[in-house]
Amino acid sequence: MDAEILQWVVCPQCAERAWQIERAAVRCQACGCRCLVHNEVLNLLPNGPHFLTAAQRTNFTLPVAWGYEDLWRRRSLSLLSGQPLGLDRELALLDDWMADAGSGVFLDLACSHGLYA
């Protein structure tokens, strides 16, 4: 994880930006909330997601987690775009959109299963 990103990230518990980097984690100096960093990805939900609807809770069941990318994502994006939009095409479009962005830090919020990360 690039430490530069922490200037844009607020603590999920107290909304402060007082991060202290630890080994494999960051800790909010204001409230003590500790968020793990695994494979360079910062997990801002250390205690799991809060206030989930019934539909959102299904994302954590094995059949949904297993089939999301392969089954649902491809079909739903194709329906929404009105044309076939498989994973290869989606990632190619993302590459095109990001081509002129240059280098730097990119924050991917709501990355689901970490596809773009």
N, C-alpha and C. Protein backbone atom coordinates (compact mmCIF):
# COMPACT_ATOMS: atom_id res chain seq x y z
N MET A 1 0.85 -1.18 0.00
CA MET A 1 0.00 0.00 0.00
C MET A 1 0.89 1.24 0.00
N ASP A 2 0.58 2.15 -0.86
CA ASP A 2 1.31 3.42 -0.93
C ASP A 2 0.79 4.33 0.18
N ALA A 3 1.66 4.74 1.08
CA ALA A 3 1.26 5.57 2.22
C ALA A 3 0.62 6.89 1.80
N GLU A 4 0.91 7.35 0.60
CA GLU A 4 0.35 8.62 0.10
C GLU A 4 -1.18 8.59 0.07
N ILE A 5 -1.74 7.41 -0.09
CA ILE A 5 -3.20 7.29 -0.21
C ILE A 5 -3.92 7.67 1.08
N LEU A 6 -3.24 7.56 2.20
CA LEU A 6 -3.88 7.80 3.49
C LEU A 6 -4.36 9.24 3.67
N GLN A 7 -3.82 10.17 2.90
CA GLN A 7 -4.30 11.56 3.02
C GLN A 7 -5.74 11.72 2.54
N TRP A 8 -6.24 10.77 1.75
CA TRP A 8 -7.62 10.83 1.25
C TRP A 8 -8.56 9.90 1.97
N VAL A 9 -8.05 9.09 2.88
CA VAL A 9 -8.86 8.07 3.52
C VAL A 9 -9.22 8.50 4.94
N VAL A 10 -10.52 8.47 5.24
CA VAL A 10 -10.96 8.79 6.59
C VAL A 10 -11.23 7.49 7.36
N CYS A 11 -11.07 7.56 8.63
CA CYS A 11 -11.31 6.41 9.51
C CYS A 11 -12.79 6.03 9.43
N PRO A 12 -13.08 4.73 9.28
CA PRO A 12 -14.49 4.30 9.21
C PRO A 12 -15.24 4.45 10.52
N GLN A 13 -14.51 4.68 11.63
CA GLN A 13 -15.18 4.82 12.92
C GLN A 13 -15.36 6.26 13.36
N CYS A 14 -14.35 7.11 13.12
CA CYS A 14 -14.44 8.47 13.65
C CYS A 14 -14.30 9.55 12.57
N ALA A 15 -14.04 9.16 11.33
CA ALA A 15 -13.94 10.07 10.19
C ALA A 15 -12.73 11.01 10.25
N GLU A 16 -11.75 10.68 11.06
CA GLU A 16 -10.52 11.48 11.12
C GLU A 16 -9.51 10.93 10.11
N ARG A 17 -8.48 11.72 9.84
CA ARG A 17 -7.39 11.31 8.94
C ARG A 17 -6.07 11.31 9.69
N ALA A 18 -6.05 10.67 10.81
CA ALA A 18 -4.86 10.66 11.66
C ALA A 18 -4.25 9.26 11.67
N TRP A 19 -3.79 8.81 10.54
CA TRP A 19 -3.29 7.44 10.39
C TRP A 19 -1.84 7.30 10.83
N GLN A 20 -1.56 6.21 11.48
CA GLN A 20 -0.20 5.81 11.81
C GLN A 20 0.03 4.45 11.16
N ILE A 21 1.10 4.35 10.39
CA ILE A 21 1.38 3.09 9.70
C ILE A 21 2.08 2.14 10.67
N GLU A 22 1.56 0.92 10.73
CA GLU A 22 2.15 -0.14 11.53
C GLU A 22 2.54 -1.27 10.58
N ARG A 23 3.12 -2.30 11.13
CA ARG A 23 3.45 -3.45 10.30
C ARG A 23 2.16 -4.17 9.90
N ALA A 24 1.88 -4.24 8.61
CA ALA A 24 0.70 -4.92 8.05
C ALA A 24 -0.63 -4.30 8.46
N ALA A 25 -0.61 -3.02 8.85
CA ALA A 25 -1.85 -2.37 9.25
C ALA A 25 -1.64 -0.85 9.33
N VAL A 26 -2.74 -0.14 9.46
CA VAL A 26 -2.70 1.28 9.80
C VAL A 26 -3.64 1.47 10.99
N ARG A 27 -3.30 2.41 11.86
CA ARG A 27 -4.11 2.66 13.05
C ARG A 27 -4.48 4.13 13.09
N CYS A 28 -5.75 4.39 13.40
CA CYS A 28 -6.21 5.77 13.57
C CYS A 28 -5.74 6.25 14.94
N GLN A 29 -4.98 7.32 14.94
CA GLN A 29 -4.46 7.87 16.19
C GLN A 29 -5.55 8.56 17.01
N ALA A 30 -6.66 8.91 16.36
CA ALA A 30 -7.73 9.59 17.07
C ALA A 30 -8.59 8.63 17.89
N CYS A 31 -8.93 7.46 17.33
CA CYS A 31 -9.84 6.55 18.03
C CYS A 31 -9.27 5.15 18.25
N GLY A 32 -8.13 4.84 17.62
CA GLY A 32 -7.51 3.53 17.82
C GLY A 32 -7.96 2.46 16.85
N CYS A 33 -8.86 2.78 15.94
CA CYS A 33 -9.32 1.81 14.95
C CYS A 33 -8.12 1.29 14.16
N ARG A 34 -8.01 -0.03 14.03
CA ARG A 34 -6.89 -0.65 13.31
C ARG A 34 -7.42 -1.33 12.06
N CYS A 35 -6.85 -0.99 10.90
CA CYS A 35 -7.26 -1.56 9.62
C CYS A 35 -6.07 -2.31 9.02
N LEU A 36 -6.31 -3.55 8.65
CA LEU A 36 -5.24 -4.40 8.12
C LEU A 36 -4.91 -4.06 6.68
N VAL A 37 -3.65 -4.31 6.32
CA VAL A 37 -3.18 -4.20 4.94
C VAL A 37 -2.71 -5.59 4.54
N HIS A 38 -3.33 -6.15 3.50
CA HIS A 38 -2.97 -7.49 3.03
C HIS A 38 -2.78 -7.44 1.53
N ASN A 39 -1.64 -7.91 1.06
CA ASN A 39 -1.32 -7.87 -0.38
C ASN A 39 -1.46 -6.47 -0.95
N GLU A 40 -1.00 -5.48 -0.18
CA GLU A 40 -1.01 -4.07 -0.59
C GLU A 40 -2.42 -3.47 -0.66
N VAL A 41 -3.43 -4.15 -0.11
CA VAL A 41 -4.81 -3.65 -0.13
C VAL A 41 -5.22 -3.32 1.31
N LEU A 42 -5.68 -2.08 1.51
CA LEU A 42 -6.12 -1.62 2.83
C LEU A 42 -7.59 -2.00 3.03
N ASN A 43 -7.87 -2.72 4.10
CA ASN A 43 -9.23 -3.13 4.44
C ASN A 43 -9.81 -2.12 5.43
N LEU A 44 -10.74 -1.29 4.96
CA LEU A 44 -11.34 -0.26 5.82
C LEU A 44 -12.54 -0.76 6.61
N LEU A 45 -12.83 -2.03 6.50
CA LEU A 45 -13.93 -2.61 7.26
C LEU A 45 -13.40 -3.67 8.21
N PRO A 46 -12.63 -3.26 9.23
CA PRO A 46 -11.98 -4.24 10.10
C PRO A 46 -12.94 -5.16 10.85
N ASN A 47 -14.13 -4.70 11.10
CA ASN A 47 -15.12 -5.52 11.81
C ASN A 47 -16.23 -5.99 10.88
N GLY A 48 -15.97 -5.96 9.59
CA GLY A 48 -16.98 -6.35 8.62
C GLY A 48 -17.89 -5.18 8.29
N PRO A 49 -18.65 -5.31 7.22
CA PRO A 49 -19.55 -4.23 6.83
C PRO A 49 -20.70 -4.07 7.82
N HIS A 50 -21.16 -2.85 7.97
CA HIS A 50 -22.24 -2.54 8.89
C HIS A 50 -23.49 -2.14 8.11
N PHE A 51 -24.64 -2.32 8.71
CA PHE A 51 -25.91 -1.85 8.15
C PHE A 51 -26.16 -2.40 6.75
N LEU A 52 -26.01 -3.69 6.57
CA LEU A 52 -26.27 -4.29 5.27
C LEU A 52 -27.73 -4.63 5.11
N THR A 53 -28.23 -4.42 3.90
CA THR A 53 -29.57 -4.87 3.58
C THR A 53 -29.54 -6.38 3.38
N ALA A 54 -30.70 -7.00 3.30
CA ALA A 54 -30.77 -8.45 3.06
C ALA A 54 -30.10 -8.80 1.74
N ALA A 55 -30.32 -7.98 0.72
CA ALA A 55 -29.70 -8.24 -0.59
C ALA A 55 -28.18 -8.14 -0.51
N GLN A 56 -27.67 -7.18 0.24
CA GLN A 56 -26.21 -7.03 0.38
C GLN A 56 -25.61 -8.19 1.17
N ARG A 57 -26.33 -8.70 2.15
CA ARG A 57 -25.81 -9.81 2.94
C ARG A 57 -25.61 -11.06 2.10
N THR A 58 -26.39 -11.23 1.04
CA THR A 58 -26.24 -12.42 0.21
C THR A 58 -24.87 -12.46 -0.48
N ASN A 59 -24.20 -11.31 -0.63
CA ASN A 59 -22.88 -11.29 -1.27
C ASN A 59 -21.84 -12.08 -0.47
N PHE A 60 -22.12 -12.37 0.78
CA PHE A 60 -21.17 -13.08 1.63
C PHE A 60 -21.48 -14.57 1.73
N THR A 61 -22.47 -15.04 1.00
CA THR A 61 -22.75 -16.47 0.98
C THR A 61 -21.92 -17.13 -0.11
N LEU A 62 -21.56 -18.37 0.09
CA LEU A 62 -20.66 -19.05 -0.83
C LEU A 62 -21.15 -19.08 -2.28
N PRO A 63 -22.41 -19.43 -2.55
CA PRO A 63 -22.82 -19.47 -3.97
C PRO A 63 -22.71 -18.12 -4.67
N VAL A 64 -23.06 -17.05 -3.98
CA VAL A 64 -22.99 -15.72 -4.59
C VAL A 64 -21.54 -15.30 -4.79
N ALA A 65 -20.72 -15.48 -3.78
CA ALA A 65 -19.30 -15.11 -3.90
C ALA A 65 -18.64 -15.92 -5.01
N TRP A 66 -18.98 -17.17 -5.16
CA TRP A 66 -18.39 -18.04 -6.18
C TRP A 66 -18.82 -17.61 -7.59
N GLY A 67 -20.10 -17.28 -7.75
CA GLY A 67 -20.61 -17.03 -9.08
C GLY A 67 -20.67 -15.58 -9.53
N TYR A 68 -20.30 -14.66 -8.68
CA TYR A 68 -20.47 -13.24 -9.02
C TYR A 68 -19.74 -12.85 -10.29
N GLU A 69 -18.43 -13.03 -10.34
CA GLU A 69 -17.66 -12.60 -11.51
C GLU A 69 -18.03 -13.39 -12.76
N ASP A 70 -18.09 -14.70 -12.62
CA ASP A 70 -18.31 -15.55 -13.79
C ASP A 70 -19.73 -15.50 -14.33
N LEU A 71 -20.70 -15.42 -13.47
CA LEU A 71 -22.08 -15.52 -13.92
C LEU A 71 -22.80 -14.17 -13.95
N TRP A 72 -22.91 -13.54 -12.80
CA TRP A 72 -23.74 -12.34 -12.70
C TRP A 72 -23.12 -11.12 -13.36
N ARG A 73 -21.86 -10.84 -13.10
CA ARG A 73 -21.24 -9.61 -13.60
C ARG A 73 -21.31 -9.53 -15.12
N ARG A 74 -20.92 -10.59 -15.79
CA ARG A 74 -20.91 -10.59 -17.25
C ARG A 74 -22.33 -10.35 -17.81
N ARG A 75 -23.30 -11.05 -17.24
CA ARG A 75 -24.69 -10.92 -17.73
C ARG A 75 -25.26 -9.53 -17.43
N SER A 76 -25.06 -9.06 -16.21
CA SER A 76 -25.66 -7.77 -15.83
C SER A 76 -25.04 -6.62 -16.60
N LEU A 77 -23.71 -6.63 -16.79
CA LEU A 77 -23.09 -5.55 -17.54
C LEU A 77 -23.46 -5.60 -19.01
N SER A 78 -23.66 -6.78 -19.55
CA SER A 78 -24.12 -6.90 -20.93
C SER A 78 -25.54 -6.36 -21.08
N LEU A 79 -26.40 -6.67 -20.11
CA LEU A 79 -27.76 -6.15 -20.14
C LEU A 79 -27.76 -4.62 -20.02
N LEU A 80 -26.97 -4.09 -19.09
CA LEU A 80 -26.94 -2.65 -18.87
C LEU A 80 -26.32 -1.89 -20.05
N SER A 81 -25.33 -2.47 -20.70
CA SER A 81 -24.66 -1.78 -21.80
C SER A 81 -25.34 -2.03 -23.15
N GLY A 82 -26.19 -3.06 -23.23
CA GLY A 82 -26.87 -3.36 -24.48
C GLY A 82 -25.99 -4.08 -25.49
N GLN A 83 -24.84 -4.58 -25.05
CA GLN A 83 -23.93 -5.31 -25.92
C GLN A 83 -23.12 -6.30 -25.08
N PRO A 84 -22.58 -7.34 -25.70
CA PRO A 84 -21.79 -8.29 -24.92
C PRO A 84 -20.62 -7.58 -24.24
N LEU A 85 -20.49 -7.79 -22.95
CA LEU A 85 -19.43 -7.12 -22.19
C LEU A 85 -18.86 -8.11 -21.19
N GLY A 86 -17.98 -8.97 -21.67
CA GLY A 86 -17.32 -9.93 -20.80
C GLY A 86 -16.18 -9.27 -20.04
N LEU A 87 -15.57 -10.05 -19.18
CA LEU A 87 -14.50 -9.55 -18.33
C LEU A 87 -13.31 -9.03 -19.14
N ASP A 88 -12.92 -9.74 -20.19
CA ASP A 88 -11.79 -9.29 -21.02
C ASP A 88 -12.06 -7.92 -21.63
N ARG A 89 -13.27 -7.73 -22.14
CA ARG A 89 -13.62 -6.44 -22.75
C ARG A 89 -13.69 -5.33 -21.70
N GLU A 90 -14.25 -5.66 -20.54
CA GLU A 90 -14.33 -4.67 -19.46
C GLU A 90 -12.94 -4.21 -19.03
N LEU A 91 -12.01 -5.14 -18.86
CA LEU A 91 -10.66 -4.76 -18.46
C LEU A 91 -9.94 -4.00 -19.56
N ALA A 92 -10.20 -4.33 -20.84
CA ALA A 92 -9.61 -3.58 -21.95
C ALA A 92 -10.14 -2.14 -21.95
N LEU A 93 -11.43 -1.96 -21.69
CA LEU A 93 -12.00 -0.60 -21.59
C LEU A 93 -11.37 0.16 -20.44
N LEU A 94 -11.18 -0.49 -19.31
CA LEU A 94 -10.54 0.16 -18.17
C LEU A 94 -9.12 0.59 -18.52
N ASP A 95 -8.39 -0.27 -19.20
CA ASP A 95 -7.04 0.10 -19.65
C ASP A 95 -7.08 1.34 -20.54
N ASP A 96 -8.03 1.39 -21.47
CA ASP A 96 -8.17 2.55 -22.36
C ASP A 96 -8.49 3.82 -21.56
N TRP A 97 -9.41 3.71 -20.62
CA TRP A 97 -9.80 4.87 -19.82
C TRP A 97 -8.65 5.39 -18.97
N MET A 98 -7.79 4.49 -18.52
CA MET A 98 -6.70 4.87 -17.63
C MET A 98 -5.41 5.20 -18.37
N ALA A 99 -5.38 5.03 -19.69
CA ALA A 99 -4.14 5.20 -20.47
C ALA A 99 -3.53 6.59 -20.30
N ASP A 100 -4.32 7.62 -20.23
CA ASP A 100 -3.80 8.98 -20.13
C ASP A 100 -3.71 9.48 -18.68
N ALA A 101 -3.99 8.62 -17.74
CA ALA A 101 -4.01 9.04 -16.34
C ALA A 101 -2.61 9.24 -15.77
N GLY A 102 -1.62 8.66 -16.40
CA GLY A 102 -0.27 8.78 -15.88
C GLY A 102 -0.05 7.88 -14.69
N SER A 103 1.00 8.17 -13.97
CA SER A 103 1.28 7.35 -12.79
C SER A 103 0.74 8.05 -11.56
N GLY A 104 0.69 7.36 -10.50
CA GLY A 104 0.22 7.94 -9.26
C GLY A 104 -0.54 6.94 -8.43
N VAL A 105 -1.26 7.44 -7.48
CA VAL A 105 -2.03 6.61 -6.58
C VAL A 105 -3.48 6.65 -7.03
N PHE A 106 -4.09 5.47 -7.11
CA PHE A 106 -5.49 5.37 -7.50
C PHE A 106 -6.25 4.66 -6.39
N LEU A 107 -7.35 5.21 -6.00
CA LEU A 107 -8.17 4.66 -4.93
C LEU A 107 -9.39 4.01 -5.54
N ASP A 108 -9.53 2.71 -5.38
CA ASP A 108 -10.66 1.96 -5.92
C ASP A 108 -11.61 1.66 -4.77
N LEU A 109 -12.67 2.42 -4.67
CA LEU A 109 -13.66 2.20 -3.63
C LEU A 109 -14.73 1.25 -4.15
N ALA A 110 -15.19 0.41 -3.29
CA ALA A 110 -16.22 -0.56 -3.64
C ALA A 110 -15.73 -1.51 -4.72
N CYS A 111 -14.57 -2.09 -4.51
CA CYS A 111 -13.97 -2.96 -5.53
C CYS A 111 -14.49 -4.39 -5.46
N SER A 112 -15.53 -4.64 -4.70
CA SER A 112 -16.14 -5.95 -4.64
C SER A 112 -15.11 -7.00 -4.26
N HIS A 113 -14.80 -7.89 -5.18
CA HIS A 113 -13.86 -8.97 -4.90
C HIS A 113 -12.42 -8.58 -5.24
N GLY A 114 -12.16 -7.30 -5.45
CA GLY A 114 -10.81 -6.85 -5.71
C GLY A 114 -10.38 -7.04 -7.15
N LEU A 115 -11.32 -7.09 -8.07
CA LEU A 115 -11.01 -7.33 -9.49
C LEU A 115 -10.03 -6.30 -10.02
N TYR A 116 -10.29 -5.02 -9.79
CA TYR A 116 -9.41 -3.99 -10.33
C TYR A 116 -8.15 -3.84 -9.50
N ALA A 117 -8.24 -4.07 -8.21
CA ALA A 117 -7.06 -3.97 -7.34
C ALA A 117 -6.02 -4.97 -7.79
